Amino acid sequence: MAFSSFSRQGGHPPPLAEINTTPLVDVMLVLLVIFLITAPVLQQAVVLDLPQASAAPLPAPPRVVRVALNAEGQVFWEDAPLPHDQLAAKLAAAAPGQPELHLRADRHTPYEAVAGLIARAQQAGLVKIAFVTEPAP
């Protein structure tokens, strides 16, 4: 009350208590125009009339057998411990489907143990042998 006059005769009109929505509408229209312009640019597909051809389906990915060898020479078949005397039977049972043998060996495993496992796999008929390693940092 300290800043207002006591009489309203020729004074200023009372303040408006409404929110002016014109700037909000202006911003929304500008955003709408920007999105309408940029939407077709985001679609970068080229329209082509591709020919039709019949082809054989892709072959199924090969079956994978995982064998691990730790530093003590213990063998793991699909992450389960396996006694050495059962390894030849497991390799022979897996060989008919020609799976890929993924061999993971500890870096401290003796070379003789790795070479022996590879020899047993080849004797069983597994010819696709891959060494699994960790990527270098």
N, C-alpha and C. Protein backbone atom coordinates (compact mmCIF):
# COMPACT_ATOMS: atom_id res chain seq x y z
N MET A 1 0.81 -1.18 0.00
CA MET A 1 0.00 0.00 0.00
C MET A 1 0.85 1.25 0.00
N ALA A 2 2.09 1.12 0.30
CA ALA A 2 2.95 2.29 0.40
C ALA A 2 3.18 2.91 -0.96
N PHE A 3 3.09 2.13 -2.04
CA PHE A 3 3.37 2.67 -3.36
C PHE A 3 2.13 3.01 -4.15
N SER A 4 0.99 2.70 -3.66
CA SER A 4 -0.22 3.00 -4.41
C SER A 4 -0.86 4.28 -3.87
N SER A 5 -1.60 4.90 -4.76
CA SER A 5 -2.28 6.12 -4.33
C SER A 5 -3.60 5.76 -3.68
N PHE A 6 -4.12 6.70 -2.88
CA PHE A 6 -5.37 6.43 -2.18
C PHE A 6 -6.58 6.62 -3.07
N SER A 7 -6.43 7.36 -4.09
CA SER A 7 -7.58 7.59 -4.96
C SER A 7 -7.34 6.94 -6.32
N ARG A 8 -8.38 6.46 -6.93
CA ARG A 8 -8.26 5.79 -8.22
C ARG A 8 -8.71 6.72 -9.35
N GLN A 9 -8.74 7.95 -9.17
CA GLN A 9 -9.20 8.88 -10.18
C GLN A 9 -8.08 9.21 -11.14
N GLY A 10 -7.85 8.70 -12.13
CA GLY A 10 -6.75 9.06 -13.02
C GLY A 10 -5.49 8.28 -12.71
N GLY A 11 -5.57 7.27 -11.88
CA GLY A 11 -4.39 6.44 -11.59
C GLY A 11 -4.20 5.38 -12.67
N HIS A 12 -3.30 4.53 -12.44
CA HIS A 12 -3.01 3.46 -13.40
C HIS A 12 -4.03 2.34 -13.25
N PRO A 13 -4.28 1.60 -14.31
CA PRO A 13 -5.22 0.48 -14.22
C PRO A 13 -4.60 -0.65 -13.37
N PRO A 14 -5.40 -1.51 -12.79
CA PRO A 14 -4.85 -2.60 -11.97
C PRO A 14 -4.05 -3.58 -12.84
N PRO A 15 -3.05 -4.26 -12.26
CA PRO A 15 -2.22 -5.19 -13.07
C PRO A 15 -3.06 -6.37 -13.55
N LEU A 16 -2.66 -6.92 -14.73
CA LEU A 16 -3.36 -8.06 -15.31
C LEU A 16 -2.86 -9.35 -14.65
N ALA A 17 -3.76 -10.27 -14.38
CA ALA A 17 -3.40 -11.53 -13.74
C ALA A 17 -3.47 -12.68 -14.74
N GLU A 18 -3.26 -12.44 -16.02
CA GLU A 18 -3.32 -13.46 -17.05
C GLU A 18 -1.92 -13.76 -17.56
N ILE A 19 -1.72 -14.99 -18.02
CA ILE A 19 -0.44 -15.38 -18.59
C ILE A 19 -0.50 -15.13 -20.10
N ASN A 20 0.54 -14.50 -20.61
CA ASN A 20 0.61 -14.21 -22.03
C ASN A 20 1.13 -15.47 -22.75
N THR A 21 0.31 -16.11 -23.56
CA THR A 21 0.69 -17.35 -24.23
C THR A 21 1.23 -17.14 -25.63
N THR A 22 1.31 -15.92 -26.08
CA THR A 22 1.80 -15.66 -27.44
C THR A 22 3.24 -16.13 -27.64
N PRO A 23 4.19 -15.88 -26.71
CA PRO A 23 5.55 -16.39 -26.94
C PRO A 23 5.60 -17.93 -26.95
N LEU A 24 4.76 -18.56 -26.15
CA LEU A 24 4.73 -20.02 -26.13
C LEU A 24 4.27 -20.56 -27.47
N VAL A 25 3.24 -19.97 -28.03
CA VAL A 25 2.73 -20.41 -29.33
C VAL A 25 3.78 -20.15 -30.41
N ASP A 26 4.47 -19.04 -30.35
CA ASP A 26 5.51 -18.72 -31.33
C ASP A 26 6.63 -19.77 -31.30
N VAL A 27 7.07 -20.13 -30.11
CA VAL A 27 8.14 -21.13 -29.99
C VAL A 27 7.66 -22.48 -30.50
N MET A 28 6.44 -22.86 -30.20
CA MET A 28 5.93 -24.15 -30.66
C MET A 28 5.82 -24.18 -32.19
N LEU A 29 5.41 -23.08 -32.79
CA LEU A 29 5.32 -23.04 -34.26
C LEU A 29 6.70 -23.12 -34.90
N VAL A 30 7.67 -22.46 -34.32
CA VAL A 30 9.04 -22.54 -34.85
C VAL A 30 9.56 -23.97 -34.75
N LEU A 31 9.32 -24.64 -33.61
CA LEU A 31 9.77 -26.02 -33.47
C LEU A 31 9.05 -26.94 -34.46
N LEU A 32 7.78 -26.71 -34.68
CA LEU A 32 7.03 -27.51 -35.64
C LEU A 32 7.62 -27.36 -37.04
N VAL A 33 7.94 -26.15 -37.44
CA VAL A 33 8.52 -25.91 -38.76
C VAL A 33 9.89 -26.59 -38.86
N ILE A 34 10.71 -26.50 -37.82
CA ILE A 34 12.03 -27.14 -37.84
C ILE A 34 11.89 -28.65 -37.98
N PHE A 35 10.98 -29.26 -37.23
CA PHE A 35 10.80 -30.71 -37.32
C PHE A 35 10.25 -31.11 -38.68
N LEU A 36 9.37 -30.31 -39.26
CA LEU A 36 8.84 -30.64 -40.58
C LEU A 36 9.91 -30.56 -41.65
N ILE A 37 10.86 -29.67 -41.48
CA ILE A 37 11.94 -29.54 -42.46
C ILE A 37 12.98 -30.65 -42.29
N THR A 38 13.32 -31.00 -41.05
CA THR A 38 14.39 -31.97 -40.82
C THR A 38 13.92 -33.43 -40.91
N ALA A 39 12.66 -33.72 -40.79
CA ALA A 39 12.19 -35.11 -40.83
C ALA A 39 12.50 -35.80 -42.16
N PRO A 40 12.26 -35.19 -43.31
CA PRO A 40 12.62 -35.86 -44.57
C PRO A 40 14.13 -36.04 -44.74
N VAL A 41 14.92 -35.18 -44.15
CA VAL A 41 16.37 -35.28 -44.28
C VAL A 41 16.90 -36.50 -43.52
N LEU A 42 16.24 -36.87 -42.42
CA LEU A 42 16.70 -38.00 -41.62
C LEU A 42 16.50 -39.33 -42.33
N GLN A 43 15.60 -39.41 -43.25
CA GLN A 43 15.37 -40.64 -44.00
C GLN A 43 16.34 -40.65 -45.18
N GLN A 44 17.36 -41.51 -45.11
CA GLN A 44 18.40 -41.52 -46.13
C GLN A 44 18.34 -42.76 -47.00
N ALA A 45 17.20 -43.40 -47.07
CA ALA A 45 17.07 -44.61 -47.88
C ALA A 45 16.93 -44.23 -49.34
N VAL A 46 17.56 -45.02 -50.18
CA VAL A 46 17.46 -44.83 -51.62
C VAL A 46 16.38 -45.76 -52.13
N VAL A 47 15.47 -45.23 -52.88
CA VAL A 47 14.39 -46.04 -53.43
C VAL A 47 14.92 -46.79 -54.64
N LEU A 48 14.90 -48.13 -54.56
CA LEU A 48 15.40 -48.97 -55.65
C LEU A 48 14.36 -50.01 -56.01
N ASP A 49 14.37 -50.40 -57.24
CA ASP A 49 13.55 -51.51 -57.69
C ASP A 49 14.49 -52.70 -57.84
N LEU A 50 14.62 -53.49 -56.79
CA LEU A 50 15.59 -54.58 -56.77
C LEU A 50 15.09 -55.77 -57.57
N PRO A 51 16.01 -56.45 -58.26
CA PRO A 51 15.60 -57.65 -59.00
C PRO A 51 15.33 -58.81 -58.05
N GLN A 52 14.56 -59.76 -58.52
CA GLN A 52 14.24 -60.93 -57.71
C GLN A 52 15.08 -62.10 -58.20
N ALA A 53 15.61 -62.86 -57.25
CA ALA A 53 16.42 -64.02 -57.59
C ALA A 53 16.20 -65.09 -56.54
N SER A 54 16.33 -66.33 -56.96
CA SER A 54 16.21 -67.41 -55.99
C SER A 54 17.62 -67.92 -55.69
N ALA A 55 17.88 -68.10 -54.43
CA ALA A 55 19.19 -68.58 -54.01
C ALA A 55 19.00 -69.58 -52.88
N ALA A 56 20.00 -70.39 -52.71
CA ALA A 56 19.95 -71.37 -51.63
C ALA A 56 20.07 -70.65 -50.29
N PRO A 57 19.39 -71.13 -49.27
CA PRO A 57 19.51 -70.47 -47.97
C PRO A 57 20.92 -70.64 -47.42
N LEU A 58 21.30 -69.71 -46.60
CA LEU A 58 22.62 -69.77 -45.99
C LEU A 58 22.72 -70.99 -45.08
N PRO A 59 23.89 -71.62 -45.07
CA PRO A 59 24.03 -72.78 -44.19
C PRO A 59 23.99 -72.35 -42.73
N ALA A 60 23.53 -73.27 -41.91
CA ALA A 60 23.46 -72.99 -40.46
C ALA A 60 24.88 -72.84 -39.92
N PRO A 61 25.05 -71.99 -38.91
CA PRO A 61 26.39 -71.85 -38.35
C PRO A 61 26.85 -73.17 -37.75
N PRO A 62 28.15 -73.44 -37.83
CA PRO A 62 28.63 -74.73 -37.34
C PRO A 62 28.47 -74.87 -35.83
N ARG A 63 28.33 -76.10 -35.41
CA ARG A 63 28.25 -76.39 -33.99
C ARG A 63 29.63 -76.17 -33.38
N VAL A 64 29.65 -75.65 -32.16
CA VAL A 64 30.90 -75.33 -31.49
C VAL A 64 31.02 -76.18 -30.23
N VAL A 65 32.19 -76.78 -30.05
CA VAL A 65 32.51 -77.52 -28.84
C VAL A 65 33.61 -76.74 -28.13
N ARG A 66 33.36 -76.36 -26.87
CA ARG A 66 34.35 -75.59 -26.11
C ARG A 66 35.12 -76.51 -25.18
N VAL A 67 36.43 -76.49 -25.32
CA VAL A 67 37.31 -77.27 -24.46
C VAL A 67 38.33 -76.30 -23.86
N ALA A 68 38.51 -76.40 -22.55
CA ALA A 68 39.47 -75.54 -21.85
C ALA A 68 40.51 -76.41 -21.15
N LEU A 69 41.69 -75.84 -21.01
CA LEU A 69 42.80 -76.54 -20.37
C LEU A 69 43.45 -75.55 -19.41
N ASN A 70 43.43 -75.87 -18.10
CA ASN A 70 44.02 -74.94 -17.16
C ASN A 70 45.52 -75.23 -16.98
N ALA A 71 46.17 -74.44 -16.14
CA ALA A 71 47.62 -74.54 -15.97
C ALA A 71 48.05 -75.89 -15.39
N GLU A 72 47.19 -76.53 -14.62
CA GLU A 72 47.53 -77.83 -14.02
C GLU A 72 47.27 -78.99 -14.99
N GLY A 73 46.72 -78.70 -16.16
CA GLY A 73 46.45 -79.75 -17.14
C GLY A 73 45.05 -80.33 -17.04
N GLN A 74 44.20 -79.79 -16.19
CA GLN A 74 42.82 -80.25 -16.06
C GLN A 74 42.03 -79.85 -17.30
N VAL A 75 41.23 -80.76 -17.83
CA VAL A 75 40.43 -80.51 -19.04
C VAL A 75 39.00 -80.18 -18.62
N PHE A 76 38.42 -79.19 -19.32
CA PHE A 76 37.02 -78.78 -19.08
C PHE A 76 36.28 -78.89 -20.41
N TRP A 77 35.22 -79.68 -20.43
CA TRP A 77 34.37 -79.85 -21.63
C TRP A 77 33.12 -79.02 -21.42
N GLU A 78 32.92 -78.01 -22.24
CA GLU A 78 31.77 -77.10 -22.11
C GLU A 78 31.70 -76.56 -20.67
N ASP A 79 32.81 -76.15 -20.12
CA ASP A 79 32.95 -75.53 -18.80
C ASP A 79 32.70 -76.50 -17.64
N ALA A 80 32.64 -77.78 -17.89
CA ALA A 80 32.49 -78.78 -16.82
C ALA A 80 33.76 -79.62 -16.78
N PRO A 81 34.28 -79.90 -15.59
CA PRO A 81 35.51 -80.71 -15.50
C PRO A 81 35.31 -82.09 -16.12
N LEU A 82 36.35 -82.57 -16.78
CA LEU A 82 36.28 -83.84 -17.47
C LEU A 82 37.55 -84.63 -17.19
N PRO A 83 37.43 -85.87 -16.71
CA PRO A 83 38.63 -86.70 -16.51
C PRO A 83 39.32 -86.99 -17.84
N HIS A 84 40.64 -87.13 -17.80
CA HIS A 84 41.42 -87.36 -19.03
C HIS A 84 41.02 -88.64 -19.74
N ASP A 85 40.62 -89.66 -19.01
CA ASP A 85 40.26 -90.92 -19.66
C ASP A 85 38.94 -90.85 -20.43
N GLN A 86 38.11 -89.84 -20.17
CA GLN A 86 36.85 -89.69 -20.89
C GLN A 86 36.95 -88.72 -22.06
N LEU A 87 38.09 -88.05 -22.20
CA LEU A 87 38.25 -87.04 -23.25
C LEU A 87 38.16 -87.67 -24.64
N ALA A 88 38.81 -88.79 -24.87
CA ALA A 88 38.80 -89.42 -26.19
C ALA A 88 37.38 -89.83 -26.59
N ALA A 89 36.60 -90.34 -25.64
CA ALA A 89 35.23 -90.74 -25.94
C ALA A 89 34.36 -89.53 -26.28
N LYS A 90 34.54 -88.43 -25.56
CA LYS A 90 33.77 -87.20 -25.84
C LYS A 90 34.13 -86.65 -27.22
N LEU A 91 35.42 -86.64 -27.55
CA LEU A 91 35.84 -86.14 -28.85
C LEU A 91 35.30 -87.02 -29.97
N ALA A 92 35.33 -88.32 -29.80
CA ALA A 92 34.82 -89.24 -30.82
C ALA A 92 33.31 -89.09 -30.98
N ALA A 93 32.60 -88.84 -29.88
CA ALA A 93 31.14 -88.68 -29.97
C ALA A 93 30.77 -87.37 -30.65
N ALA A 94 31.60 -86.34 -30.52
CA ALA A 94 31.30 -85.04 -31.13
C ALA A 94 31.74 -84.96 -32.58
N ALA A 95 32.64 -85.83 -33.03
CA ALA A 95 33.24 -85.73 -34.36
C ALA A 95 32.28 -85.90 -35.53
N PRO A 96 31.25 -86.76 -35.49
CA PRO A 96 30.43 -86.96 -36.68
C PRO A 96 29.76 -85.70 -37.22
N GLY A 97 29.43 -84.75 -36.40
CA GLY A 97 28.80 -83.52 -36.87
C GLY A 97 29.78 -82.49 -37.39
N GLN A 98 31.07 -82.78 -37.38
CA GLN A 98 32.13 -81.86 -37.79
C GLN A 98 32.01 -80.50 -37.09
N PRO A 99 31.97 -80.47 -35.78
CA PRO A 99 31.89 -79.18 -35.09
C PRO A 99 33.25 -78.50 -35.07
N GLU A 100 33.22 -77.22 -34.73
CA GLU A 100 34.47 -76.49 -34.52
C GLU A 100 34.87 -76.69 -33.07
N LEU A 101 36.13 -76.98 -32.84
CA LEU A 101 36.65 -77.14 -31.50
C LEU A 101 37.31 -75.83 -31.09
N HIS A 102 36.74 -75.16 -30.10
CA HIS A 102 37.32 -73.91 -29.59
C HIS A 102 38.13 -74.26 -28.35
N LEU A 103 39.43 -74.13 -28.47
CA LEU A 103 40.35 -74.51 -27.41
C LEU A 103 40.83 -73.27 -26.66
N ARG A 104 40.56 -73.26 -25.38
CA ARG A 104 41.06 -72.19 -24.50
C ARG A 104 42.07 -72.83 -23.56
N ALA A 105 43.30 -72.32 -23.59
CA ALA A 105 44.34 -72.87 -22.73
C ALA A 105 44.95 -71.74 -21.91
N ASP A 106 45.21 -72.02 -20.64
CA ASP A 106 45.85 -71.05 -19.76
C ASP A 106 47.24 -70.74 -20.31
N ARG A 107 47.70 -69.53 -20.11
CA ARG A 107 49.01 -69.15 -20.64
C ARG A 107 50.16 -69.93 -19.99
N HIS A 108 49.93 -70.49 -18.83
CA HIS A 108 50.97 -71.25 -18.14
C HIS A 108 50.83 -72.75 -18.35
N THR A 109 49.93 -73.16 -19.25
CA THR A 109 49.76 -74.57 -19.55
C THR A 109 50.97 -75.05 -20.35
N PRO A 110 51.54 -76.20 -19.98
CA PRO A 110 52.67 -76.72 -20.76
C PRO A 110 52.26 -77.00 -22.21
N TYR A 111 53.18 -76.73 -23.11
CA TYR A 111 52.92 -76.94 -24.54
C TYR A 111 52.59 -78.40 -24.83
N GLU A 112 53.19 -79.29 -24.09
CA GLU A 112 52.97 -80.72 -24.28
C GLU A 112 51.50 -81.08 -24.06
N ALA A 113 50.84 -80.46 -23.06
CA ALA A 113 49.43 -80.74 -22.79
C ALA A 113 48.55 -80.22 -23.92
N VAL A 114 48.87 -79.03 -24.43
CA VAL A 114 48.08 -78.46 -25.53
C VAL A 114 48.26 -79.30 -26.79
N ALA A 115 49.50 -79.67 -27.10
CA ALA A 115 49.76 -80.48 -28.29
C ALA A 115 49.09 -81.85 -28.17
N GLY A 116 49.09 -82.42 -26.99
CA GLY A 116 48.43 -83.71 -26.79
C GLY A 116 46.93 -83.62 -27.00
N LEU A 117 46.31 -82.56 -26.53
CA LEU A 117 44.87 -82.38 -26.72
C LEU A 117 44.54 -82.19 -28.20
N ILE A 118 45.37 -81.43 -28.90
CA ILE A 118 45.14 -81.24 -30.34
C ILE A 118 45.29 -82.56 -31.08
N ALA A 119 46.29 -83.35 -30.71
CA ALA A 119 46.49 -84.65 -31.36
C ALA A 119 45.31 -85.57 -31.12
N ARG A 120 44.78 -85.60 -29.90
CA ARG A 120 43.60 -86.44 -29.62
C ARG A 120 42.39 -85.98 -30.44
N ALA A 121 42.22 -84.66 -30.58
CA ALA A 121 41.09 -84.14 -31.35
C ALA A 121 41.23 -84.54 -32.81
N GLN A 122 42.43 -84.46 -33.36
CA GLN A 122 42.63 -84.83 -34.77
C GLN A 122 42.44 -86.34 -34.96
N GLN A 123 42.86 -87.14 -34.01
CA GLN A 123 42.67 -88.59 -34.11
C GLN A 123 41.18 -88.94 -34.07
N ALA A 124 40.39 -88.13 -33.33
CA ALA A 124 38.95 -88.38 -33.24
C ALA A 124 38.22 -87.92 -34.50
N GLY A 125 38.88 -87.14 -35.35
CA GLY A 125 38.25 -86.69 -36.59
C GLY A 125 37.86 -85.22 -36.59
N LEU A 126 38.23 -84.48 -35.57
CA LEU A 126 37.95 -83.04 -35.54
C LEU A 126 39.08 -82.31 -36.26
N VAL A 127 38.74 -81.61 -37.32
CA VAL A 127 39.77 -80.94 -38.11
C VAL A 127 39.71 -79.41 -37.98
N LYS A 128 38.59 -78.89 -37.52
CA LYS A 128 38.46 -77.44 -37.35
C LYS A 128 38.72 -77.10 -35.89
N ILE A 129 39.94 -76.62 -35.62
CA ILE A 129 40.35 -76.30 -34.25
C ILE A 129 40.72 -74.82 -34.21
N ALA A 130 40.15 -74.11 -33.25
CA ALA A 130 40.44 -72.67 -33.10
C ALA A 130 40.95 -72.43 -31.70
N PHE A 131 41.92 -71.53 -31.59
CA PHE A 131 42.44 -71.13 -30.29
C PHE A 131 41.74 -69.85 -29.86
N VAL A 132 41.19 -69.84 -28.66
CA VAL A 132 40.49 -68.67 -28.13
C VAL A 132 41.46 -67.90 -27.25
N THR A 133 41.56 -66.60 -27.52
CA THR A 133 42.46 -65.73 -26.75
C THR A 133 41.71 -64.52 -26.26
N GLU A 134 42.32 -63.80 -25.36
CA GLU A 134 41.78 -62.53 -24.87
C GLU A 134 42.36 -61.41 -25.74
N PRO A 135 41.58 -60.38 -26.05
CA PRO A 135 42.14 -59.26 -26.82
C PRO A 135 43.17 -58.50 -26.00
N ALA A 136 44.17 -58.00 -26.69
CA ALA A 136 45.24 -57.24 -26.03
C ALA A 136 44.68 -55.90 -25.56
N PRO A 137 45.12 -55.42 -24.40
CA PRO A 137 44.60 -54.12 -23.91
C PRO A 137 45.11 -52.96 -24.73
